[in-house]
């Protein structure tokens, strides 16, 4: 029991809140790539998948770490490597 609720209700509430936050950010991103005229066929599908998979990935990965700070730092490093460093390396190669 956490805060008087069951574990299922606790995690489901957090998942729903994270999905709502991700959907707002995805809506802004979709509006931005349409606003800038970027041609991204079915780009909305990528954002739709990200909305539901990103919170689940974060929860799973955080359970593998001994502390919350270690999990948060590890995910930030992974996102940095695959989101910034990898595309730069691919464009150079």
PDB file of N, CA and C in Angstrom:
ATOM      1  N   UNK A   1       0.841  -1.187   0.000  1.00  0.00           N
ATOM      2  CA  UNK A   1       0.000   0.000   0.000  1.00  0.00           C
ATOM      3  C   UNK A   1       0.890   1.255   0.000  1.00  0.00           C
ATOM      4  N   UNK A   2       0.639   2.110  -0.939  1.00  0.00           N
ATOM      5  CA  UNK A   2       1.353   3.377  -1.033  1.00  0.00           C
ATOM      6  C   UNK A   2       0.308   4.486  -1.010  1.00  0.00           C
ATOM      7  N   UNK A   3       0.415   5.354  -0.040  1.00  0.00           N
ATOM      8  CA  UNK A   3      -0.527   6.483   0.103  1.00  0.00           C
ATOM      9  C   UNK A   3      -1.968   6.004   0.191  1.00  0.00           C
ATOM     10  N   UNK A   4      -2.182   4.837   0.752  1.00  0.00           N
ATOM     11  CA  UNK A   4      -3.540   4.323   0.918  1.00  0.00           C
ATOM     12  C   UNK A   4      -4.121   3.674  -0.320  1.00  0.00           C
ATOM     13  N   UNK A   5      -3.337   3.516  -1.366  1.00  0.00           N
ATOM     14  CA  UNK A   5      -3.846   2.879  -2.580  1.00  0.00           C
ATOM     15  C   UNK A   5      -3.057   1.604  -2.852  1.00  0.00           C
ATOM     16  N   UNK A   6      -3.593   0.789  -3.711  1.00  0.00           N
ATOM     17  CA  UNK A   6      -2.893  -0.442  -4.066  1.00  0.00           C
ATOM     18  C   UNK A   6      -1.736  -0.129  -5.011  1.00  0.00           C
ATOM     19  N   UNK A   7      -0.826  -1.074  -5.135  1.00  0.00           N
ATOM     20  CA  UNK A   7       0.315  -0.884  -6.045  1.00  0.00           C
ATOM     21  C   UNK A   7      -0.154  -0.714  -7.489  1.00  0.00           C
ATOM     22  N   UNK A   8      -1.189  -1.468  -7.863  1.00  0.00           N
ATOM     23  CA  UNK A   8      -1.694  -1.367  -9.236  1.00  0.00           C
ATOM     24  C   UNK A   8      -2.233   0.029  -9.510  1.00  0.00           C
ATOM     25  N   UNK A   9      -3.020   0.567  -8.581  1.00  0.00           N
ATOM     26  CA  UNK A   9      -3.572   1.910  -8.768  1.00  0.00           C
ATOM     27  C   UNK A   9      -2.470   2.963  -8.782  1.00  0.00           C
ATOM     28  N   UNK A  10      -1.466   2.773  -7.939  1.00  0.00           N
ATOM     29  CA  UNK A  10      -0.357   3.720  -7.871  1.00  0.00           C
ATOM     30  C   UNK A  10       0.389   3.781  -9.202  1.00  0.00           C
ATOM     31  N   UNK A  11       0.799   2.619  -9.724  1.00  0.00           N
ATOM     32  CA  UNK A  11       1.574   2.601 -10.966  1.00  0.00           C
ATOM     33  C   UNK A  11       0.725   2.955 -12.179  1.00  0.00           C
ATOM     34  N   UNK A  12      -0.541   2.555 -12.174  1.00  0.00           N
ATOM     35  CA  UNK A  12      -1.424   2.911 -13.285  1.00  0.00           C
ATOM     36  C   UNK A  12      -1.648   4.422 -13.323  1.00  0.00           C
ATOM     37  N   UNK A  13      -1.788   5.050 -12.157  1.00  0.00           N
ATOM     38  CA  UNK A  13      -1.934   6.496 -12.102  1.00  0.00           C
ATOM     39  C   UNK A  13      -0.708   7.217 -12.625  1.00  0.00           C
ATOM     40  N   UNK A  14       0.465   6.730 -12.248  1.00  0.00           N
ATOM     41  CA  UNK A  14       1.701   7.324 -12.761  1.00  0.00           C
ATOM     42  C   UNK A  14       1.836   7.117 -14.262  1.00  0.00           C
ATOM     43  N   UNK A  15       1.463   5.934 -14.743  1.00  0.00           N
ATOM     44  CA  UNK A  15       1.564   5.662 -16.179  1.00  0.00           C
ATOM     45  C   UNK A  15       0.623   6.578 -16.964  1.00  0.00           C
ATOM     46  N   UNK A  16      -0.596   6.732 -16.481  1.00  0.00           N
ATOM     47  CA  UNK A  16      -1.555   7.600 -17.170  1.00  0.00           C
ATOM     48  C   UNK A  16      -1.060   9.046 -17.175  1.00  0.00           C
ATOM     49  N   UNK A  17      -0.511   9.512 -16.051  1.00  0.00           N
ATOM     50  CA  UNK A  17       0.025  10.875 -16.001  1.00  0.00           C
ATOM     51  C   UNK A  17       1.189  11.042 -16.977  1.00  0.00           C
ATOM     52  N   UNK A  18       2.067  10.053 -17.055  1.00  0.00           N
ATOM     53  CA  UNK A  18       3.192  10.134 -17.988  1.00  0.00           C
ATOM     54  C   UNK A  18       2.734  10.092 -19.437  1.00  0.00           C
ATOM     55  N   UNK A  19       1.708   9.315 -19.735  1.00  0.00           N
ATOM     56  CA  UNK A  19       1.161   9.262 -21.097  1.00  0.00           C
ATOM     57  C   UNK A  19       0.558  10.617 -21.468  1.00  0.00           C
ATOM     58  N   UNK A  20      -0.112  11.257 -20.528  1.00  0.00           N
ATOM     59  CA  UNK A  20      -0.698  12.574 -20.806  1.00  0.00           C
ATOM     60  C   UNK A  20       0.399  13.601 -21.085  1.00  0.00           C
ATOM     61  N   UNK A  21       1.446  13.606 -20.270  1.00  0.00           N
ATOM     62  CA  UNK A  21       2.554  14.540 -20.495  1.00  0.00           C
ATOM     63  C   UNK A  21       3.229  14.262 -21.839  1.00  0.00           C
ATOM     64  N   UNK A  22       3.470  12.986 -22.143  1.00  0.00           N
ATOM     65  CA  UNK A  22       4.093  12.635 -23.432  1.00  0.00           C
ATOM     66  C   UNK A  22       3.207  13.014 -24.605  1.00  0.00           C
ATOM     67  N   UNK A  23       1.891  12.885 -24.449  1.00  0.00           N
ATOM     68  CA  UNK A  23       1.004  13.235 -25.559  1.00  0.00           C
ATOM     69  C   UNK A  23       1.001  14.737 -25.809  1.00  0.00           C
ATOM     70  N   UNK A  24       1.100  15.531 -24.753  1.00  0.00           N
ATOM     71  CA  UNK A  24       1.181  16.983 -24.948  1.00  0.00           C
ATOM     72  C   UNK A  24       2.478  17.362 -25.672  1.00  0.00           C
ATOM     73  N   UNK A  25       3.595  16.773 -25.252  1.00  0.00           N
ATOM     74  CA  UNK A  25       4.868  17.054 -25.915  1.00  0.00           C
ATOM     75  C   UNK A  25       4.866  16.556 -27.363  1.00  0.00           C
ATOM     76  N   UNK A  26       4.242  15.422 -27.600  1.00  0.00           N
ATOM     77  CA  UNK A  26       4.170  14.899 -28.967  1.00  0.00           C
ATOM     78  C   UNK A  26       3.307  15.787 -29.851  1.00  0.00           C
ATOM     79  N   UNK A  27       2.228  16.324 -29.291  1.00  0.00           N
ATOM     80  CA  UNK A  27       1.371  17.224 -30.069  1.00  0.00           C
ATOM     81  C   UNK A  27       2.146  18.480 -30.468  1.00  0.00           C
ATOM     82  N   UNK A  28       2.955  19.006 -29.569  1.00  0.00           N
ATOM     83  CA  UNK A  28       3.783  20.170 -29.886  1.00  0.00           C
ATOM     84  C   UNK A  28       4.804  19.813 -30.972  1.00  0.00           C
ATOM     85  N   UNK A  29       5.399  18.637 -30.875  1.00  0.00           N
ATOM     86  CA  UNK A  29       6.392  18.209 -31.868  1.00  0.00           C
ATOM     87  C   UNK A  29       5.756  18.015 -33.239  1.00  0.00           C
ATOM     88  N   UNK A  30       4.577  17.409 -33.261  1.00  0.00           N
ATOM     89  CA  UNK A  30       3.881  17.211 -34.540  1.00  0.00           C
ATOM     90  C   UNK A  30       3.524  18.552 -35.157  1.00  0.00           C
ATOM     91  N   UNK A  31       3.040  19.480 -34.344  1.00  0.00           N
ATOM     92  CA  UNK A  31       2.715  20.823 -34.849  1.00  0.00           C
ATOM     93  C   UNK A  31       3.970  21.518 -35.366  1.00  0.00           C
ATOM     94  N   UNK A  32       5.102  21.307 -34.696  1.00  0.00           N
ATOM     95  CA  UNK A  32       6.348  21.952 -35.122  1.00  0.00           C
ATOM     96  C   UNK A  32       6.824  21.411 -36.459  1.00  0.00           C
ATOM     97  N   UNK A  33       6.794  20.093 -36.644  1.00  0.00           N
ATOM     98  CA  UNK A  33       7.300  19.610 -37.933  1.00  0.00           C
ATOM     99  C   UNK A  33       6.331  19.921 -39.060  1.00  0.00           C
ATOM    100  N   UNK A  34       5.052  20.065 -38.786  1.00  0.00           N
ATOM    101  CA  UNK A  34       4.136  20.550 -39.824  1.00  0.00           C
ATOM    102  C   UNK A  34       4.358  22.041 -40.074  1.00  0.00           C
ATOM    103  N   UNK A  35       4.588  22.791 -39.000  1.00  0.00           N
ATOM    104  CA  UNK A  35       4.790  24.232 -39.132  1.00  0.00           C
ATOM    105  C   UNK A  35       6.043  24.588 -39.890  1.00  0.00           C
ATOM    106  N   UNK A  36       7.093  23.808 -39.720  1.00  0.00           N
ATOM    107  CA  UNK A  36       8.341  24.058 -40.431  1.00  0.00           C
ATOM    108  C   UNK A  36       8.370  23.412 -41.808  1.00  0.00           C
ATOM    109  N   UNK A  37       7.322  22.701 -42.173  1.00  0.00           N
ATOM    110  CA  UNK A  37       7.246  22.100 -43.502  1.00  0.00           C
ATOM    111  C   UNK A  37       8.130  20.884 -43.683  1.00  0.00           C
ATOM    112  N   UNK A  38       8.431  20.188 -42.616  1.00  0.00           N
ATOM    113  CA  UNK A  38       9.267  18.993 -42.700  1.00  0.00           C
ATOM    114  C   UNK A  38       8.417  17.844 -43.225  1.00  0.00           C
ATOM    115  N   UNK A  39       8.894  17.181 -44.239  1.00  0.00           N
ATOM    116  CA  UNK A  39       8.174  16.045 -44.815  1.00  0.00           C
ATOM    117  C   UNK A  39       8.515  14.784 -44.036  1.00  0.00           C
ATOM    118  N   UNK A  40       7.587  14.314 -43.257  1.00  0.00           N
ATOM    119  CA  UNK A  40       7.782  13.120 -42.442  1.00  0.00           C
ATOM    120  C   UNK A  40       6.542  12.241 -42.589  1.00  0.00           C
ATOM    121  N   UNK A  41       6.537  11.354 -43.602  1.00  0.00           N
ATOM    122  CA  UNK A  41       5.372  10.524 -43.818  1.00  0.00           C
ATOM    123  C   UNK A  41       5.111   9.623 -42.606  1.00  0.00           C
ATOM    124  N   UNK A  42       3.887   9.628 -42.173  1.00  0.00           N
ATOM    125  CA  UNK A  42       3.449   8.839 -41.015  1.00  0.00           C
ATOM    126  C   UNK A  42       4.281   9.122 -39.770  1.00  0.00           C
ATOM    127  N   UNK A  43       4.734  10.337 -39.616  1.00  0.00           N
ATOM    128  CA  UNK A  43       5.494  10.723 -38.439  1.00  0.00           C
ATOM    129  C   UNK A  43       4.666  10.651 -37.177  1.00  0.00           C
ATOM    130  N   UNK A  44       3.370  10.874 -37.320  1.00  0.00           N
ATOM    131  CA  UNK A  44       2.483  10.788 -36.155  1.00  0.00           C
ATOM    132  C   UNK A  44       2.512   9.391 -35.545  1.00  0.00           C
ATOM    133  N   UNK A  45       2.751   8.370 -36.367  1.00  0.00           N
ATOM    134  CA  UNK A  45       2.795   6.995 -35.849  1.00  0.00           C
ATOM    135  C   UNK A  45       3.996   6.793 -34.935  1.00  0.00           C
ATOM    136  N   UNK A  46       5.127   7.417 -35.268  1.00  0.00           N
ATOM    137  CA  UNK A  46       6.298   7.341 -34.394  1.00  0.00           C
ATOM    138  C   UNK A  46       6.013   7.971 -33.041  1.00  0.00           C
ATOM    139  N   UNK A  47       5.350   9.116 -33.064  1.00  0.00           N
ATOM    140  CA  UNK A  47       5.015   9.780 -31.807  1.00  0.00           C
ATOM    141  C   UNK A  47       3.983   8.984 -31.015  1.00  0.00           C
ATOM    142  N   UNK A  48       3.044   8.362 -31.698  1.00  0.00           N
ATOM    143  CA  UNK A  48       2.040   7.551 -31.011  1.00  0.00           C
ATOM    144  C   UNK A  48       2.673   6.354 -30.307  1.00  0.00           C
ATOM    145  N   UNK A  49       3.612   5.719 -30.963  1.00  0.00           N
ATOM    146  CA  UNK A  49       4.327   4.600 -30.334  1.00  0.00           C
ATOM    147  C   UNK A  49       5.141   5.094 -29.149  1.00  0.00           C
ATOM    148  N   UNK A  50       5.788   6.246 -29.308  1.00  0.00           N
ATOM    149  CA  UNK A  50       6.610   6.796 -28.230  1.00  0.00           C
ATOM    150  C   UNK A  50       5.776   7.154 -27.003  1.00  0.00           C
ATOM    151  N   UNK A  51       4.565   7.645 -27.209  1.00  0.00           N
ATOM    152  CA  UNK A  51       3.705   8.046 -26.098  1.00  0.00           C
ATOM    153  C   UNK A  51       3.476   6.888 -25.137  1.00  0.00           C
ATOM    154  N   UNK A  52       3.249   5.706 -25.662  1.00  0.00           N
ATOM    155  CA  UNK A  52       2.917   4.563 -24.807  1.00  0.00           C
ATOM    156  C   UNK A  52       4.135   3.731 -24.408  1.00  0.00           C
ATOM    157  N   UNK A  53       5.191   3.758 -25.214  1.00  0.00           N
ATOM    158  CA  UNK A  53       6.342   2.907 -24.901  1.00  0.00           C
ATOM    159  C   UNK A  53       7.384   3.589 -24.020  1.00  0.00           C
ATOM    160  N   UNK A  54       7.520   4.894 -24.116  1.00  0.00           N
ATOM    161  CA  UNK A  54       8.552   5.584 -23.348  1.00  0.00           C
ATOM    162  C   UNK A  54       8.351   5.454 -21.831  1.00  0.00           C
ATOM    163  N   UNK A  55       7.158   5.711 -21.278  1.00  0.00           N
ATOM    164  CA  UNK A  55       7.005   5.521 -19.826  1.00  0.00           C
ATOM    165  C   UNK A  55       7.257   4.081 -19.380  1.00  0.00           C
ATOM    166  N   UNK A  56       6.811   3.127 -20.171  1.00  0.00           N
ATOM    167  CA  UNK A  56       7.038   1.722 -19.804  1.00  0.00           C
ATOM    168  C   UNK A  56       8.533   1.404 -19.814  1.00  0.00           C
ATOM    169  N   UNK A  57       9.272   1.915 -20.791  1.00  0.00           N
ATOM    170  CA  UNK A  57      10.719   1.714 -20.835  1.00  0.00           C
ATOM    171  C   UNK A  57      11.392   2.341 -19.617  1.00  0.00           C
ATOM    172  N   UNK A  58      10.993   3.551 -19.272  1.00  0.00           N
ATOM    173  CA  UNK A  58      11.587   4.223 -18.120  1.00  0.00           C
ATOM    174  C   UNK A  58      11.318   3.473 -16.822  1.00  0.00           C
ATOM    175  N   UNK A  59      10.108   2.974 -16.648  1.00  0.00           N
ATOM    176  CA  UNK A  59       9.779   2.218 -15.431  1.00  0.00           C
ATOM    177  C   UNK A  59      10.584   0.932 -15.376  1.00  0.00           C
ATOM    178  N   UNK A  60      10.650   0.220 -16.487  1.00  0.00           N
ATOM    179  CA  UNK A  60      11.396  -1.035 -16.514  1.00  0.00           C
ATOM    180  C   UNK A  60      12.868  -0.793 -16.213  1.00  0.00           C
ATOM    181  N   UNK A  61      13.439   0.198 -16.858  1.00  0.00           N
ATOM    182  CA  UNK A  61      14.866   0.459 -16.690  1.00  0.00           C
ATOM    183  C   UNK A  61      15.181   0.946 -15.283  1.00  0.00           C
ATOM    184  N   UNK A  62      14.281   1.723 -14.681  1.00  0.00           N
ATOM    185  CA  UNK A  62      14.540   2.219 -13.332  1.00  0.00           C
ATOM    186  C   UNK A  62      14.518   1.090 -12.307  1.00  0.00           C
ATOM    187  N   UNK A  63      13.761   0.024 -12.578  1.00  0.00           N
ATOM    188  CA  UNK A  63      13.733  -1.107 -11.659  1.00  0.00           C
ATOM    189  C   UNK A  63      15.037  -1.908 -11.700  1.00  0.00           C
ATOM    190  N   UNK A  64      15.816  -1.776 -12.761  1.00  0.00           N
ATOM    191  CA  UNK A  64      17.081  -2.491 -12.870  1.00  0.00           C
ATOM    192  C   UNK A  64      18.204  -1.829 -12.071  1.00  0.00           C
ATOM    193  N   UNK A  65      18.010  -0.571 -11.699  1.00  0.00           N
ATOM    194  CA  UNK A  65      19.049   0.184 -11.001  1.00  0.00           C
ATOM    195  C   UNK A  65      18.821   0.145  -9.493  1.00  0.00           C
ATOM    196  N   UNK A  66      19.902   0.273  -8.721  1.00  0.00           N
ATOM    197  CA  UNK A  66      19.757   0.209  -7.257  1.00  0.00           C
ATOM    198  C   UNK A  66      19.060   1.435  -6.657  1.00  0.00           C
ATOM    199  N   UNK A  67      19.237   2.618  -7.267  1.00  0.00           N
ATOM    200  CA  UNK A  67      18.593   3.822  -6.758  1.00  0.00           C
ATOM    201  C   UNK A  67      17.909   4.571  -7.894  1.00  0.00           C
ATOM    202  N   UNK A  68      17.015   5.473  -7.507  1.00  0.00           N
ATOM    203  CA  UNK A  68      16.290   6.260  -8.504  1.00  0.00           C
ATOM    204  C   UNK A  68      17.232   7.186  -9.267  1.00  0.00           C
ATOM    205  N   UNK A  69      18.215   7.744  -8.570  1.00  0.00           N
ATOM    206  CA  UNK A  69      19.158   8.647  -9.221  1.00  0.00           C
ATOM    207  C   UNK A  69      20.003   7.918 -10.269  1.00  0.00           C
ATOM    208  N   UNK A  70      20.416   6.692  -9.946  1.00  0.00           N
ATOM    209  CA  UNK A  70      21.207   5.906 -10.901  1.00  0.00           C
ATOM    210  C   UNK A  70      20.378   5.574 -12.136  1.00  0.00           C
ATOM    211  N   UNK A  71      19.107   5.234 -11.941  1.00  0.00           N
ATOM    212  CA  UNK A  71      18.231   4.940 -13.076  1.00  0.00           C
ATOM    213  C   UNK A  71      18.005   6.157 -13.945  1.00  0.00           C
ATOM    214  N   UNK A  72      17.774   7.310 -13.311  1.00  0.00           N
ATOM    215  CA  UNK A  72      17.553   8.542 -14.062  1.00  0.00           C
ATOM    216  C   UNK A  72      18.789   8.938 -14.850  1.00  0.00           C
ATOM    217  N   UNK A  73      19.946   8.855 -14.225  1.00  0.00           N
ATOM    218  CA  UNK A  73      21.193   9.207 -14.914  1.00  0.00           C
ATOM    219  C   UNK A  73      21.473   8.240 -16.069  1.00  0.00           C
ATOM    220  N   UNK A  74      21.233   6.965 -15.867  1.00  0.00           N
ATOM    221  CA  UNK A  74      21.470   5.976 -16.920  1.00  0.00           C
ATOM    222  C   UNK A  74      20.576   6.220 -18.128  1.00  0.00           C
ATOM    223  N   UNK A  75      19.311   6.516 -17.887  1.00  0.00           N
ATOM    224  CA  UNK A  75      18.394   6.781 -18.996  1.00  0.00           C
ATOM    225  C   UNK A  75      18.805   8.051 -19.732  1.00  0.00           C
ATOM    226  N   UNK A  76      19.227   9.072 -19.005  1.00  0.00           N
ATOM    227  CA  UNK A  76      19.678  10.302 -19.663  1.00  0.00           C
ATOM    228  C   UNK A  76      20.905  10.047 -20.531  1.00  0.00           C
ATOM    229  N   UNK A  77      21.818   9.221 -20.050  1.00  0.00           N
ATOM    230  CA  UNK A  77      23.010   8.898 -20.836  1.00  0.00           C
ATOM    231  C   UNK A  77      22.623   8.107 -22.089  1.00  0.00           C
ATOM    232  N   UNK A  78      21.723   7.145 -21.946  1.00  0.00           N
ATOM    233  CA  UNK A  78      21.269   6.366 -23.104  1.00  0.00           C
ATOM    234  C   UNK A  78      20.601   7.270 -24.134  1.00  0.00           C
ATOM    235  N   UNK A  79      19.707   8.160 -23.680  1.00  0.00           N
ATOM    236  CA  UNK A  79      19.039   9.079 -24.605  1.00  0.00           C
ATOM    237  C   UNK A  79      20.053  10.009 -25.272  1.00  0.00           C
ATOM    238  N   UNK A  80      21.053  10.456 -24.521  1.00  0.00           N
ATOM    239  CA  UNK A  80      22.085  11.326 -25.095  1.00  0.00           C
ATOM    240  C   UNK A  80      22.873  10.593 -26.169  1.00  0.00           C
ATOM    241  N   UNK A  81      23.273   9.357 -25.862  1.00  0.00           N
ATOM    242  CA  UNK A  81      24.077   8.596 -26.819  1.00  0.00           C
ATOM    243  C   UNK A  81      23.300   8.279 -28.093  1.00  0.00           C
ATOM    244  N   UNK A  82      22.068   7.783 -27.935  1.00  0.00           N
ATOM    245  CA  UNK A  82      21.300   7.383 -29.110  1.00  0.00           C
ATOM    246  C   UNK A  82      20.597   8.547 -29.795  1.00  0.00           C
ATOM    247  N   UNK A  83      20.358   9.637 -29.089  1.00  0.00           N
ATOM    248  CA  UNK A  83      19.654  10.757 -29.677  1.00  0.00           C
ATOM    249  C   UNK A  83      20.533  11.841 -30.247  1.00  0.00           C
ATOM    250  N   UNK A  84      21.757  11.952 -29.725  1.00  0.00           N
ATOM    251  CA  UNK A  84      22.639  13.027 -30.181  1.00  0.00           C
ATOM    252  C   UNK A  84      23.916  12.489 -30.800  1.00  0.00           C
ATOM    253  N   UNK A  85      24.608  11.635 -30.081  1.00  0.00           N
ATOM    254  CA  UNK A  85      25.905  11.164 -30.555  1.00  0.00           C
ATOM    255  C   UNK A  85      25.764  10.215 -31.751  1.00  0.00           C
ATOM    256  N   UNK A  86      24.848   9.277 -31.702  1.00  0.00           N
ATOM    257  CA  UNK A  86      24.692   8.312 -32.790  1.00  0.00           C
ATOM    258  C   UNK A  86      24.321   8.973 -34.122  1.00  0.00           C
ATOM    259  N   UNK A  87      23.347   9.904 -34.169  1.00  0.00           N
ATOM    260  CA  UNK A  87      23.065  10.555 -35.453  1.00  0.00           C
ATOM    261  C   UNK A  87      24.241  11.356 -35.998  1.00  0.00           C
ATOM    262  N   UNK A  88      25.024  11.975 -35.110  1.00  0.00           N
ATOM    263  CA  UNK A  88      26.195  12.714 -35.571  1.00  0.00           C
ATOM    264  C   UNK A  88      27.228  11.740 -36.170  1.00  0.00           C
ATOM    265  N   UNK A  89      27.435  10.616 -35.479  1.00  0.00           N
ATOM    266  CA  UNK A  89      28.388   9.629 -35.990  1.00  0.00           C
ATOM    267  C   UNK A  89      27.930   9.057 -37.331  1.00  0.00           C
ATOM    268  N   UNK A  90      26.643   8.812 -37.476  1.00  0.00           N
ATOM    269  CA  UNK A  90      26.124   8.271 -38.737  1.00  0.00           C
ATOM    270  C   UNK A  90      26.291   9.285 -39.857  1.00  0.00           C
ATOM    271  N   UNK A  91      26.027  10.566 -39.572  1.00  0.00           N
ATOM    272  CA  UNK A  91      26.170  11.570 -40.628  1.00  0.00           C
ATOM    273  C   UNK A  91      27.625  11.774 -41.017  1.00  0.00           C
ATOM    274  N   UNK A  92      28.543  11.610 -40.076  1.00  0.00           N
ATOM    275  CA  UNK A  92      29.974  11.736 -40.399  1.00  0.00           C
ATOM    276  C   UNK A  92      30.448  10.543 -41.218  1.00  0.00           C
ATOM    277  N   UNK A  93      29.979   9.350 -40.846  1.00  0.00           N
ATOM    278  CA  UNK A  93      30.410   8.158 -41.569  1.00  0.00           C
ATOM    279  C   UNK A  93      29.762   8.103 -42.927  1.00  0.00           C
TER     280      UNK A  93
END
